[in-house]
Amino acid sequence: MNVATYIFGWVMATLLGAVFHLWKDGGFWKLVIYIVLSWIGFFLGHLIAKSAGFNFMNVGSLYLGGGIIGSIIILFAGHWFSRIESFPGQSK
């Protein structure tokens, strides 16, 4: 993969994290967490799609379809884990 492919994947993952943040609403630190989770999920999804030969929405050598699916899965999992209360019944 060339540098342009890495930049395009990074931009797509950042946009997915920002859109998820706008949808789920949160503060600045939630935005940072969602963007980092989106980066991790996107590139894990890309690598899994590449190794499995999942040819859906390829852009050059970037497996965009796998990256988007991976990003969405990790974002929802991260959001779900962030809502777990350490002591049920107590509010923050």
PDB file of N, CA and C in Angstrom:
ATOM      1  N   MET A   1       0.848  -1.181   0.000  1.00  0.00           N
ATOM      2  CA  MET A   1       0.000   0.000   0.000  1.00  0.00           C
ATOM      3  C   MET A   1       0.890   1.240   0.000  1.00  0.00           C
ATOM      4  N   ASN A   2       0.440   2.220  -0.714  1.00  0.00           N
ATOM      5  CA  ASN A   2       1.198   3.463  -0.758  1.00  0.00           C
ATOM      6  C   ASN A   2       0.669   4.447   0.298  1.00  0.00           C
ATOM      7  N   VAL A   3       1.313   5.580   0.398  1.00  0.00           N
ATOM      8  CA  VAL A   3       0.983   6.574   1.421  1.00  0.00           C
ATOM      9  C   VAL A   3      -0.427   7.117   1.244  1.00  0.00           C
ATOM     10  N   ALA A   4      -0.860   7.323   0.015  1.00  0.00           N
ATOM     11  CA  ALA A   4      -2.200   7.857  -0.240  1.00  0.00           C
ATOM     12  C   ALA A   4      -3.278   6.909   0.279  1.00  0.00           C
ATOM     13  N   THR A   5      -3.042   5.607   0.177  1.00  0.00           N
ATOM     14  CA  THR A   5      -4.001   4.633   0.673  1.00  0.00           C
ATOM     15  C   THR A   5      -4.104   4.699   2.192  1.00  0.00           C
ATOM     16  N   TYR A   6      -2.976   4.821   2.859  1.00  0.00           N
ATOM     17  CA  TYR A   6      -2.983   4.959   4.319  1.00  0.00           C
ATOM     18  C   TYR A   6      -3.715   6.234   4.751  1.00  0.00           C
ATOM     19  N   ILE A   7      -3.470   7.325   4.054  1.00  0.00           N
ATOM     20  CA  ILE A   7      -4.123   8.594   4.400  1.00  0.00           C
ATOM     21  C   ILE A   7      -5.625   8.503   4.180  1.00  0.00           C
ATOM     22  N   PHE A   8      -6.050   7.896   3.064  1.00  0.00           N
ATOM     23  CA  PHE A   8      -7.472   7.746   2.788  1.00  0.00           C
ATOM     24  C   PHE A   8      -8.147   6.875   3.859  1.00  0.00           C
ATOM     25  N   GLY A   9      -7.503   5.783   4.249  1.00  0.00           N
ATOM     26  CA  GLY A   9      -8.054   4.931   5.308  1.00  0.00           C
ATOM     27  C   GLY A   9      -8.139   5.664   6.638  1.00  0.00           C
ATOM     28  N   TRP A  10      -7.128   6.453   6.945  1.00  0.00           N
ATOM     29  CA  TRP A  10      -7.113   7.216   8.192  1.00  0.00           C
ATOM     30  C   TRP A  10      -8.228   8.270   8.197  1.00  0.00           C
ATOM     31  N   VAL A  11      -8.429   8.929   7.057  1.00  0.00           N
ATOM     32  CA  VAL A  11      -9.491   9.938   6.962  1.00  0.00           C
ATOM     33  C   VAL A  11     -10.865   9.287   7.080  1.00  0.00           C
ATOM     34  N   MET A  12     -11.065   8.162   6.415  1.00  0.00           N
ATOM     35  CA  MET A  12     -12.353   7.465   6.488  1.00  0.00           C
ATOM     36  C   MET A  12     -12.643   7.017   7.919  1.00  0.00           C
ATOM     37  N   ALA A  13     -11.650   6.469   8.597  1.00  0.00           N
ATOM     38  CA  ALA A  13     -11.840   6.023   9.977  1.00  0.00           C
ATOM     39  C   ALA A  13     -12.139   7.205  10.890  1.00  0.00           C
ATOM     40  N   THR A  14     -11.470   8.329  10.681  1.00  0.00           N
ATOM     41  CA  THR A  14     -11.722   9.521  11.491  1.00  0.00           C
ATOM     42  C   THR A  14     -13.143  10.034  11.272  1.00  0.00           C
ATOM     43  N   LEU A  15     -13.587  10.041  10.029  1.00  0.00           N
ATOM     44  CA  LEU A  15     -14.954  10.486   9.734  1.00  0.00           C
ATOM     45  C   LEU A  15     -15.987   9.558  10.366  1.00  0.00           C
ATOM     46  N   LEU A  16     -15.741   8.258  10.329  1.00  0.00           N
ATOM     47  CA  LEU A  16     -16.671   7.315  10.956  1.00  0.00           C
ATOM     48  C   LEU A  16     -16.762   7.558  12.469  1.00  0.00           C
ATOM     49  N   GLY A  17     -15.617   7.799  13.108  1.00  0.00           N
ATOM     50  CA  GLY A  17     -15.621   8.090  14.538  1.00  0.00           C
ATOM     51  C   GLY A  17     -16.335   9.391  14.862  1.00  0.00           C
ATOM     52  N   ALA A  18     -16.135  10.408  14.034  1.00  0.00           N
ATOM     53  CA  ALA A  18     -16.792  11.699  14.267  1.00  0.00           C
ATOM     54  C   ALA A  18     -18.302  11.606  14.064  1.00  0.00           C
ATOM     55  N   VAL A  19     -18.732  10.889  13.037  1.00  0.00           N
ATOM     56  CA  VAL A  19     -20.168  10.725  12.789  1.00  0.00           C
ATOM     57  C   VAL A  19     -20.813   9.920  13.918  1.00  0.00           C
ATOM     58  N   PHE A  20     -20.119   8.889  14.388  1.00  0.00           N
ATOM     59  CA  PHE A  20     -20.644   8.103  15.505  1.00  0.00           C
ATOM     60  C   PHE A  20     -20.769   8.981  16.753  1.00  0.00           C
ATOM     61  N   HIS A  21     -19.803   9.858  16.975  1.00  0.00           N
ATOM     62  CA  HIS A  21     -19.853  10.770  18.111  1.00  0.00           C
ATOM     63  C   HIS A  21     -21.040  11.718  17.996  1.00  0.00           C
ATOM     64  N   LEU A  22     -21.281  12.247  16.806  1.00  0.00           N
ATOM     65  CA  LEU A  22     -22.425  13.137  16.615  1.00  0.00           C
ATOM     66  C   LEU A  22     -23.737  12.407  16.847  1.00  0.00           C
ATOM     67  N   TRP A  23     -23.785  11.128  16.463  1.00  0.00           N
ATOM     68  CA  TRP A  23     -25.008  10.342  16.621  1.00  0.00           C
ATOM     69  C   TRP A  23     -25.254   9.992  18.086  1.00  0.00           C
ATOM     70  N   LYS A  24     -24.207   9.567  18.790  1.00  0.00           N
ATOM     71  CA  LYS A  24     -24.365   9.139  20.183  1.00  0.00           C
ATOM     72  C   LYS A  24     -24.199  10.274  21.184  1.00  0.00           C
ATOM     73  N   ASP A  25     -23.692  11.390  20.786  1.00  0.00           N
ATOM     74  CA  ASP A  25     -23.543  12.593  21.601  1.00  0.00           C
ATOM     75  C   ASP A  25     -22.654  12.350  22.820  1.00  0.00           C
ATOM     76  N   GLY A  26     -21.675  13.173  22.978  1.00  0.00           N
ATOM     77  CA  GLY A  26     -20.759  13.061  24.100  1.00  0.00           C
ATOM     78  C   GLY A  26     -19.852  14.266  24.142  1.00  0.00           C
ATOM     79  N   GLY A  27     -18.974  14.292  25.105  1.00  0.00           N
ATOM     80  CA  GLY A  27     -18.050  15.396  25.267  1.00  0.00           C
ATOM     81  C   GLY A  27     -16.799  15.209  24.429  1.00  0.00           C
ATOM     82  N   PHE A  28     -15.816  16.034  24.715  1.00  0.00           N
ATOM     83  CA  PHE A  28     -14.567  16.013  23.957  1.00  0.00           C
ATOM     84  C   PHE A  28     -13.846  14.682  24.095  1.00  0.00           C
ATOM     85  N   TRP A  29     -13.777  14.159  25.316  1.00  0.00           N
ATOM     86  CA  TRP A  29     -13.044  12.910  25.528  1.00  0.00           C
ATOM     87  C   TRP A  29     -13.738  11.719  24.886  1.00  0.00           C
ATOM     88  N   LYS A  30     -15.057  11.754  24.800  1.00  0.00           N
ATOM     89  CA  LYS A  30     -15.779  10.703  24.073  1.00  0.00           C
ATOM     90  C   LYS A  30     -15.416  10.767  22.587  1.00  0.00           C
ATOM     91  N   LEU A  31     -15.267  11.980  22.048  1.00  0.00           N
ATOM     92  CA  LEU A  31     -14.869  12.134  20.655  1.00  0.00           C
ATOM     93  C   LEU A  31     -13.497  11.507  20.425  1.00  0.00           C
ATOM     94  N   VAL A  32     -12.564  11.778  21.313  1.00  0.00           N
ATOM     95  CA  VAL A  32     -11.219  11.213  21.190  1.00  0.00           C
ATOM     96  C   VAL A  32     -11.278   9.691  21.256  1.00  0.00           C
ATOM     97  N   ILE A  33     -12.037   9.161  22.202  1.00  0.00           N
ATOM     98  CA  ILE A  33     -12.154   7.708  22.342  1.00  0.00           C
ATOM     99  C   ILE A  33     -12.782   7.090  21.102  1.00  0.00           C
ATOM    100  N   TYR A  34     -13.852   7.698  20.576  1.00  0.00           N
ATOM    101  CA  TYR A  34     -14.512   7.153  19.395  1.00  0.00           C
ATOM    102  C   TYR A  34     -13.602   7.184  18.171  1.00  0.00           C
ATOM    103  N   ILE A  35     -12.825   8.237  18.015  1.00  0.00           N
ATOM    104  CA  ILE A  35     -11.927   8.303  16.863  1.00  0.00           C
ATOM    105  C   ILE A  35     -10.827   7.250  16.969  1.00  0.00           C
ATOM    106  N   VAL A  36     -10.261   7.081  18.154  1.00  0.00           N
ATOM    107  CA  VAL A  36      -9.217   6.063  18.331  1.00  0.00           C
ATOM    108  C   VAL A  36      -9.797   4.663  18.132  1.00  0.00           C
ATOM    109  N   LEU A  37     -10.981   4.407  18.672  1.00  0.00           N
ATOM    110  CA  LEU A  37     -11.622   3.113  18.458  1.00  0.00           C
ATOM    111  C   LEU A  37     -11.927   2.888  16.983  1.00  0.00           C
ATOM    112  N   SER A  38     -12.325   3.929  16.294  1.00  0.00           N
ATOM    113  CA  SER A  38     -12.611   3.815  14.872  1.00  0.00           C
ATOM    114  C   SER A  38     -11.346   3.489  14.083  1.00  0.00           C
ATOM    115  N   TRP A  39     -10.218   4.115  14.423  1.00  0.00           N
ATOM    116  CA  TRP A  39      -8.953   3.803  13.760  1.00  0.00           C
ATOM    117  C   TRP A  39      -8.583   2.337  13.968  1.00  0.00           C
ATOM    118  N   ILE A  40      -8.680   1.885  15.206  1.00  0.00           N
ATOM    119  CA  ILE A  40      -8.328   0.500  15.521  1.00  0.00           C
ATOM    120  C   ILE A  40      -9.235  -0.466  14.766  1.00  0.00           C
ATOM    121  N   GLY A  41     -10.537  -0.222  14.829  1.00  0.00           N
ATOM    122  CA  GLY A  41     -11.486  -1.101  14.157  1.00  0.00           C
ATOM    123  C   GLY A  41     -11.328  -1.090  12.650  1.00  0.00           C
ATOM    124  N   PHE A  42     -11.063   0.069  12.083  1.00  0.00           N
ATOM    125  CA  PHE A  42     -10.923   0.174  10.632  1.00  0.00           C
ATOM    126  C   PHE A  42      -9.732  -0.639  10.144  1.00  0.00           C
ATOM    127  N   PHE A  43      -8.595  -0.469  10.785  1.00  0.00           N
ATOM    128  CA  PHE A  43      -7.415  -1.169  10.292  1.00  0.00           C
ATOM    129  C   PHE A  43      -7.434  -2.655  10.656  1.00  0.00           C
ATOM    130  N   LEU A  44      -8.078  -3.027  11.765  1.00  0.00           N
ATOM    131  CA  LEU A  44      -8.273  -4.451  12.037  1.00  0.00           C
ATOM    132  C   LEU A  44      -9.215  -5.065  11.007  1.00  0.00           C
ATOM    133  N   GLY A  45     -10.295  -4.370  10.689  1.00  0.00           N
ATOM    134  CA  GLY A  45     -11.219  -4.847   9.668  1.00  0.00           C
ATOM    135  C   GLY A  45     -10.550  -4.960   8.306  1.00  0.00           C
ATOM    136  N   HIS A  46      -9.710  -4.004   7.981  1.00  0.00           N
ATOM    137  CA  HIS A  46      -8.961  -4.046   6.722  1.00  0.00           C
ATOM    138  C   HIS A  46      -8.062  -5.274   6.676  1.00  0.00           C
ATOM    139  N   LEU A  47      -7.330  -5.517   7.756  1.00  0.00           N
ATOM    140  CA  LEU A  47      -6.410  -6.652   7.787  1.00  0.00           C
ATOM    141  C   LEU A  47      -7.145  -7.984   7.738  1.00  0.00           C
ATOM    142  N   ILE A  48      -8.269  -8.087   8.445  1.00  0.00           N
ATOM    143  CA  ILE A  48      -9.051  -9.328   8.430  1.00  0.00           C
ATOM    144  C   ILE A  48      -9.639  -9.566   7.041  1.00  0.00           C
ATOM    145  N   ALA A  49     -10.166  -8.519   6.424  1.00  0.00           N
ATOM    146  CA  ALA A  49     -10.723  -8.655   5.071  1.00  0.00           C
ATOM    147  C   ALA A  49      -9.634  -9.030   4.072  1.00  0.00           C
ATOM    148  N   LYS A  50      -8.454  -8.473   4.243  1.00  0.00           N
ATOM    149  CA  LYS A  50      -7.344  -8.780   3.341  1.00  0.00           C
ATOM    150  C   LYS A  50      -6.924 -10.242   3.482  1.00  0.00           C
ATOM    151  N   SER A  51      -6.800 -10.708   4.711  1.00  0.00           N
ATOM    152  CA  SER A  51      -6.364 -12.091   4.919  1.00  0.00           C
ATOM    153  C   SER A  51      -7.445 -13.096   4.542  1.00  0.00           C
ATOM    154  N   ALA A  52      -8.725 -12.712   4.648  1.00  0.00           N
ATOM    155  CA  ALA A  52      -9.820 -13.616   4.298  1.00  0.00           C
ATOM    156  C   ALA A  52     -10.196 -13.534   2.829  1.00  0.00           C
ATOM    157  N   GLY A  53      -9.671 -12.564   2.107  1.00  0.00           N
ATOM    158  CA  GLY A  53     -10.003 -12.395   0.701  1.00  0.00           C
ATOM    159  C   GLY A  53     -11.398 -11.840   0.482  1.00  0.00           C
ATOM    160  N   PHE A  54     -11.871 -11.008   1.403  1.00  0.00           N
ATOM    161  CA  PHE A  54     -13.203 -10.394   1.352  1.00  0.00           C
ATOM    162  C   PHE A  54     -13.140  -9.200   0.406  1.00  0.00           C
ATOM    163  N   ASN A  55     -13.577  -9.386  -0.829  1.00  0.00           N
ATOM    164  CA  ASN A  55     -13.465  -8.344  -1.857  1.00  0.00           C
ATOM    165  C   ASN A  55     -14.754  -7.557  -1.985  1.00  0.00           C
ATOM    166  N   PHE A  56     -14.984  -6.659  -1.055  1.00  0.00           N
ATOM    167  CA  PHE A  56     -16.172  -5.815  -1.076  1.00  0.00           C
ATOM    168  C   PHE A  56     -15.740  -4.374  -0.885  1.00  0.00           C
ATOM    169  N   MET A  57     -16.065  -3.532  -1.822  1.00  0.00           N
ATOM    170  CA  MET A  57     -15.737  -2.109  -1.788  1.00  0.00           C
ATOM    171  C   MET A  57     -14.234  -1.860  -1.659  1.00  0.00           C
ATOM    172  N   ASN A  58     -13.450  -2.522  -2.492  1.00  0.00           N
ATOM    173  CA  ASN A  58     -12.020  -2.268  -2.498  1.00  0.00           C
ATOM    174  C   ASN A  58     -11.734  -0.948  -3.197  1.00  0.00           C
ATOM    175  N   VAL A  59     -10.829  -0.178  -2.618  1.00  0.00           N
ATOM    176  CA  VAL A  59     -10.356   1.054  -3.247  1.00  0.00           C
ATOM    177  C   VAL A  59      -8.850   0.896  -3.372  1.00  0.00           C
ATOM    178  N   GLY A  60      -8.410   0.493  -4.550  1.00  0.00           N
ATOM    179  CA  GLY A  60      -6.998   0.185  -4.729  1.00  0.00           C
ATOM    180  C   GLY A  60      -6.644  -1.022  -3.888  1.00  0.00           C
ATOM    181  N   SER A  61      -5.665  -0.870  -3.026  1.00  0.00           N
ATOM    182  CA  SER A  61      -5.274  -1.967  -2.149  1.00  0.00           C
ATOM    183  C   SER A  61      -5.907  -1.861  -0.766  1.00  0.00           C
ATOM    184  N   LEU A  62      -6.820  -0.917  -0.590  1.00  0.00           N
ATOM    185  CA  LEU A  62      -7.511  -0.737   0.690  1.00  0.00           C
ATOM    186  C   LEU A  62      -8.830  -1.503   0.658  1.00  0.00           C
ATOM    187  N   TYR A  63      -9.031  -2.352   1.639  1.00  0.00           N
ATOM    188  CA  TYR A  63     -10.274  -3.115   1.764  1.00  0.00           C
ATOM    189  C   TYR A  63     -11.258  -2.272   2.568  1.00  0.00           C
ATOM    190  N   LEU A  64     -11.895  -1.338   1.872  1.00  0.00           N
ATOM    191  CA  LEU A  64     -12.747  -0.342   2.504  1.00  0.00           C
ATOM    192  C   LEU A  64     -13.966  -0.972   3.174  1.00  0.00           C
ATOM    193  N   GLY A  65     -14.581  -1.944   2.527  1.00  0.00           N
ATOM    194  CA  GLY A  65     -15.766  -2.595   3.103  1.00  0.00           C
ATOM    195  C   GLY A  65     -15.450  -3.271   4.427  1.00  0.00           C
ATOM    196  N   GLY A  66     -14.362  -4.013   4.478  1.00  0.00           N
ATOM    197  CA  GLY A  66     -13.956  -4.656   5.722  1.00  0.00           C
ATOM    198  C   GLY A  66     -13.583  -3.652   6.793  1.00  0.00           C
ATOM    199  N   GLY A  67     -12.943  -2.564   6.367  1.00  0.00           N
ATOM    200  CA  GLY A  67     -12.571  -1.515   7.317  1.00  0.00           C
ATOM    201  C   GLY A  67     -13.776  -0.840   7.931  1.00  0.00           C
ATOM    202  N   ILE A  68     -14.782  -0.546   7.122  1.00  0.00           N
ATOM    203  CA  ILE A  68     -15.993   0.104   7.631  1.00  0.00           C
ATOM    204  C   ILE A  68     -16.733  -0.823   8.582  1.00  0.00           C
ATOM    205  N   ILE A  69     -16.856  -2.093   8.209  1.00  0.00           N
ATOM    206  CA  ILE A  69     -17.531  -3.063   9.083  1.00  0.00           C
ATOM    207  C   ILE A  69     -16.782  -3.210  10.398  1.00  0.00           C
ATOM    208  N   GLY A  70     -15.460  -3.315  10.334  1.00  0.00           N
ATOM    209  CA  GLY A  70     -14.655  -3.429  11.555  1.00  0.00           C
ATOM    210  C   GLY A  70     -14.765  -2.201  12.432  1.00  0.00           C
ATOM    211  N   SER A  71     -14.761  -1.041  11.821  1.00  0.00           N
ATOM    212  CA  SER A  71     -14.881   0.207  12.573  1.00  0.00           C
ATOM    213  C   SER A  71     -16.224   0.295  13.282  1.00  0.00           C
ATOM    214  N   ILE A  72     -17.299  -0.044  12.586  1.00  0.00           N
ATOM    215  CA  ILE A  72     -18.629   0.030  13.190  1.00  0.00           C
ATOM    216  C   ILE A  72     -18.758  -0.957  14.345  1.00  0.00           C
ATOM    217  N   ILE A  73     -18.234  -2.165  14.170  1.00  0.00           N
ATOM    218  CA  ILE A  73     -18.316  -3.169  15.245  1.00  0.00           C
ATOM    219  C   ILE A  73     -17.559  -2.701  16.477  1.00  0.00           C
ATOM    220  N   ILE A  74     -16.344  -2.210  16.292  1.00  0.00           N
ATOM    221  CA  ILE A  74     -15.534  -1.750  17.431  1.00  0.00           C
ATOM    222  C   ILE A  74     -16.152  -0.515  18.079  1.00  0.00           C
ATOM    223  N   LEU A  75     -16.728   0.387  17.283  1.00  0.00           N
ATOM    224  CA  LEU A  75     -17.372   1.576  17.850  1.00  0.00           C
ATOM    225  C   LEU A  75     -18.564   1.199  18.722  1.00  0.00           C
ATOM    226  N   PHE A  76     -19.413   0.289  18.242  1.00  0.00           N
ATOM    227  CA  PHE A  76     -20.554  -0.130  19.050  1.00  0.00           C
ATOM    228  C   PHE A  76     -20.107  -0.875  20.301  1.00  0.00           C
ATOM    229  N   ALA A  77     -19.090  -1.723  20.178  1.00  0.00           N
ATOM    230  CA  ALA A  77     -18.575  -2.440  21.354  1.00  0.00           C
ATOM    231  C   ALA A  77     -17.980  -1.463  22.365  1.00  0.00           C
ATOM    232  N   GLY A  78     -17.214  -0.495  21.890  1.00  0.00           N
ATOM    233  CA  GLY A  78     -16.634   0.503  22.787  1.00  0.00           C
ATOM    234  C   GLY A  78     -17.693   1.350  23.462  1.00  0.00           C
ATOM    235  N   HIS A  79     -18.724   1.720  22.722  1.00  0.00           N
ATOM    236  CA  HIS A  79     -19.818   2.491  23.320  1.00  0.00           C
ATOM    237  C   HIS A  79     -20.542   1.668  24.374  1.00  0.00           C
ATOM    238  N   TRP A  80     -20.764   0.395  24.082  1.00  0.00           N
ATOM    239  CA  TRP A  80     -21.453  -0.481  25.024  1.00  0.00           C
ATOM    240  C   TRP A  80     -20.635  -0.655  26.303  1.00  0.00           C
ATOM    241  N   PHE A  81     -19.313  -0.883  26.171  1.00  0.00           N
ATOM    242  CA  PHE A  81     -18.464  -1.035  27.350  1.00  0.00           C
ATOM    243  C   PHE A  81     -18.349   0.263  28.147  1.00  0.00           C
ATOM    244  N   SER A  82     -18.457   1.403  27.491  1.00  0.00           N
ATOM    245  CA  SER A  82     -18.349   2.669  28.216  1.00  0.00           C
ATOM    246  C   SER A  82     -19.595   2.954  29.053  1.00  0.00           C
ATOM    247  N   ARG A  83     -20.682   2.255  28.790  1.00  0.00           N
ATOM    248  CA  ARG A  83     -21.928   2.478  29.531  1.00  0.00           C
ATOM    249  C   ARG A  83     -22.076   1.556  30.732  1.00  0.00           C
ATOM    250  N   ILE A  84     -21.133   0.638  30.940  1.00  0.00           N
ATOM    251  CA  ILE A  84     -21.205  -0.276  32.075  1.00  0.00           C
ATOM    252  C   ILE A  84     -20.885   0.486  33.351  1.00  0.00           C
ATOM    253  N   GLU A  85     -21.736   0.341  34.349  1.00  0.00           N
ATOM    254  CA  GLU A  85     -21.512   0.998  35.636  1.00  0.00           C
ATOM    255  C   GLU A  85     -20.727   0.068  36.535  1.00  0.00           C
ATOM    256  N   SER A  86     -19.730   0.622  37.247  1.00  0.00           N
ATOM    257  CA  SER A  86     -18.935  -0.219  38.134  1.00  0.00           C
ATOM    258  C   SER A  86     -19.724  -0.599  39.379  1.00  0.00           C
ATOM    259  N   PHE A  87     -20.615   0.262  39.824  1.00  0.00           N
ATOM    260  CA  PHE A  87     -21.475  -0.036  40.962  1.00  0.00           C
ATOM    261  C   PHE A  87     -22.929   0.233  40.535  1.00  0.00           C
ATOM    262  N   PRO A  88     -23.661  -0.806  40.162  1.00  0.00           N
ATOM    263  CA  PRO A  88     -25.034  -0.586  39.702  1.00  0.00           C
ATOM    264  C   PRO A  88     -25.879   0.146  40.753  1.00  0.00           C
ATOM    265  N   GLY A  89     -26.686   1.040  40.290  1.00  0.00           N
ATOM    266  CA  GLY A  89     -27.557   1.799  41.177  1.00  0.00           C
ATOM    267  C   GLY A  89     -27.000   3.150  41.581  1.00  0.00           C
ATOM    268  N   GLN A  90     -25.713   3.329  41.430  1.00  0.00           N
ATOM    269  CA  GLN A  90     -25.101   4.623  41.764  1.00  0.00           C
ATOM    270  C   GLN A  90     -24.929   5.431  40.484  1.00  0.00           C
ATOM    271  N   SER A  91     -25.365   6.651  40.528  1.00  0.00           N
ATOM    272  CA  SER A  91     -25.184   7.520  39.364  1.00  0.00           C
ATOM    273  C   SER A  91     -23.948   8.377  39.570  1.00  0.00           C
ATOM    274  N   LYS A  92     -23.419   8.867  38.482  1.00  0.00           N
ATOM    275  CA  LYS A  92     -22.180   9.680  38.553  1.00  0.00           C
ATOM    276  C   LYS A  92     -22.487  11.096  38.881  1.00  0.00           C
TER     277      LYS A  92
END
